Amino acid sequence: MSISDLAKRAVEIEVGLHSPSLRVGNLTNSRAITDVGDVVRALRLAAEHCQYGEGYNVGATRTYLVAKLIQAIRAHM
């Protein structure tokens, strides 16, 4: 389940559109989160400056525990 899915489900629970339970799997897993705007900028820069046929990585440098992400969502409700 993605972060946006978690946030959407939390809102649905808050307004009574979904039962107050959330299945998320392993809470000790970590996830790297990258803003879509940053990814778009990276792809544009890659298209302009990178060598054709070469491999490049675009991603986050920081990870977050799933449990901490859920806590953050709950704190904003």
C-alpha atoms as a PDB file:
ATOM      1  CA  MET A   1       0.000   0.000   0.000  1.00  0.00           C
ATOM      2  CA  SER A   2       1.426   3.382  -0.984  1.00  0.00           C
ATOM      3  CA  ILE A   3       1.557   6.432   1.250  1.00  0.00           C
ATOM      4  CA  SER A   4      -1.189   8.110  -0.761  1.00  0.00           C
ATOM      5  CA  ASP A   5      -3.325   4.964  -0.339  1.00  0.00           C
ATOM      6  CA  LEU A   6      -2.735   5.077   3.429  1.00  0.00           C
ATOM      7  CA  ALA A   7      -3.673   8.752   3.616  1.00  0.00           C
ATOM      8  CA  LYS A   8      -6.783   8.215   1.487  1.00  0.00           C
ATOM      9  CA  ARG A   9      -7.890   5.301   3.657  1.00  0.00           C
ATOM     10  CA  ALA A  10      -7.294   7.352   6.805  1.00  0.00           C
ATOM     11  CA  VAL A  11      -9.553  10.116   5.470  1.00  0.00           C
ATOM     12  CA  GLU A  12     -12.207   7.560   4.497  1.00  0.00           C
ATOM     13  CA  ILE A  13     -12.100   6.164   8.044  1.00  0.00           C
ATOM     14  CA  GLU A  14     -12.261   9.676   9.515  1.00  0.00           C
ATOM     15  CA  VAL A  15     -15.416  10.607   7.570  1.00  0.00           C
ATOM     16  CA  GLY A  16     -17.072   7.221   8.138  1.00  0.00           C
ATOM     17  CA  LEU A  17     -16.734   5.814   4.617  1.00  0.00           C
ATOM     18  CA  HIS A  18     -14.634   2.847   5.738  1.00  0.00           C
ATOM     19  CA  SER A  19     -14.407   0.636   8.818  1.00  0.00           C
ATOM     20  CA  PRO A  20     -11.777   1.800  11.341  1.00  0.00           C
ATOM     21  CA  SER A  21      -9.165  -0.806  10.469  1.00  0.00           C
ATOM     22  CA  LEU A  22      -6.132  -0.721   8.262  1.00  0.00           C
ATOM     23  CA  ARG A  23      -4.121  -3.684   6.976  1.00  0.00           C
ATOM     24  CA  VAL A  24      -0.580  -2.627   6.196  1.00  0.00           C
ATOM     25  CA  GLY A  25       1.658  -5.670   6.598  1.00  0.00           C
ATOM     26  CA  ASN A  26       5.093  -5.413   8.209  1.00  0.00           C
ATOM     27  CA  LEU A  27       5.373  -2.158  10.169  1.00  0.00           C
ATOM     28  CA  THR A  28       9.151  -2.536  10.556  1.00  0.00           C
ATOM     29  CA  ASN A  29       9.787  -2.229   6.815  1.00  0.00           C
ATOM     30  CA  SER A  30      11.275   1.005   5.528  1.00  0.00           C
ATOM     31  CA  ARG A  31      10.175   2.934   2.462  1.00  0.00           C
ATOM     32  CA  ALA A  32      11.988   5.538   0.411  1.00  0.00           C
ATOM     33  CA  ILE A  33       9.649   8.358  -0.530  1.00  0.00           C
ATOM     34  CA  THR A  34      10.295  10.601  -3.500  1.00  0.00           C
ATOM     35  CA  ASP A  35       8.223  13.628  -4.425  1.00  0.00           C
ATOM     36  CA  VAL A  36       6.754  13.260  -7.914  1.00  0.00           C
ATOM     37  CA  GLY A  37       7.943  16.771  -8.830  1.00  0.00           C
ATOM     38  CA  ASP A  38      11.514  15.793  -7.975  1.00  0.00           C
ATOM     39  CA  VAL A  39      11.226  12.692 -10.157  1.00  0.00           C
ATOM     40  CA  VAL A  40       9.893  14.733 -13.080  1.00  0.00           C
ATOM     41  CA  ARG A  41      12.774  17.223 -12.734  1.00  0.00           C
ATOM     42  CA  ALA A  42      15.292  14.361 -12.562  1.00  0.00           C
ATOM     43  CA  LEU A  43      13.877  12.756 -15.701  1.00  0.00           C
ATOM     44  CA  ARG A  44      13.971  16.068 -17.560  1.00  0.00           C
ATOM     45  CA  LEU A  45      17.587  16.628 -16.521  1.00  0.00           C
ATOM     46  CA  ALA A  46      18.471  13.077 -17.493  1.00  0.00           C
ATOM     47  CA  ALA A  47      16.900  13.566 -20.930  1.00  0.00           C
ATOM     48  CA  GLU A  48      18.906  16.767 -21.400  1.00  0.00           C
ATOM     49  CA  HIS A  49      22.290  15.724 -19.976  1.00  0.00           C
ATOM     50  CA  CYS A  50      22.698  11.954 -19.647  1.00  0.00           C
ATOM     51  CA  GLN A  51      24.263   9.640 -22.184  1.00  0.00           C
ATOM     52  CA  TYR A  52      21.935   7.499 -24.294  1.00  0.00           C
ATOM     53  CA  GLY A  53      22.044   3.841 -23.269  1.00  0.00           C
ATOM     54  CA  GLU A  54      23.594   4.481 -19.843  1.00  0.00           C
ATOM     55  CA  GLY A  55      21.805   3.573 -16.612  1.00  0.00           C
ATOM     56  CA  TYR A  56      20.961   6.202 -14.002  1.00  0.00           C
ATOM     57  CA  ASN A  57      19.192   5.917 -10.668  1.00  0.00           C
ATOM     58  CA  VAL A  58      16.562   8.375  -9.515  1.00  0.00           C
ATOM     59  CA  GLY A  59      15.315   7.969  -5.978  1.00  0.00           C
ATOM     60  CA  ALA A  60      15.213   9.084  -2.389  1.00  0.00           C
ATOM     61  CA  THR A  61      18.226   9.114  -0.116  1.00  0.00           C
ATOM     62  CA  ARG A  62      16.228   8.750   3.108  1.00  0.00           C
ATOM     63  CA  THR A  63      13.945   5.952   4.247  1.00  0.00           C
ATOM     64  CA  TYR A  64      11.067   5.959   6.721  1.00  0.00           C
ATOM     65  CA  LEU A  65       9.626   3.138   8.819  1.00  0.00           C
ATOM     66  CA  VAL A  66       6.091   2.227   7.785  1.00  0.00           C
ATOM     67  CA  ALA A  67       5.024   2.513  11.442  1.00  0.00           C
ATOM     68  CA  LYS A  68       6.371   6.098  11.597  1.00  0.00           C
ATOM     69  CA  LEU A  69       4.565   7.024   8.379  1.00  0.00           C
ATOM     70  CA  ILE A  70       1.286   5.755   9.802  1.00  0.00           C
ATOM     71  CA  GLN A  71       1.926   7.693  13.034  1.00  0.00           C
ATOM     72  CA  ALA A  72       2.503  10.865  10.990  1.00  0.00           C
ATOM     73  CA  ILE A  73      -0.749  10.367   9.086  1.00  0.00           C
ATOM     74  CA  ARG A  74      -2.649   9.776  12.326  1.00  0.00           C
ATOM     75  CA  ALA A  75      -1.117  12.889  13.896  1.00  0.00           C
ATOM     76  CA  HIS A  76      -2.483  15.044  11.062  1.00  0.00           C
ATOM     77  CA  MET A  77      -6.026  13.742  11.384  1.00  0.00           C
END
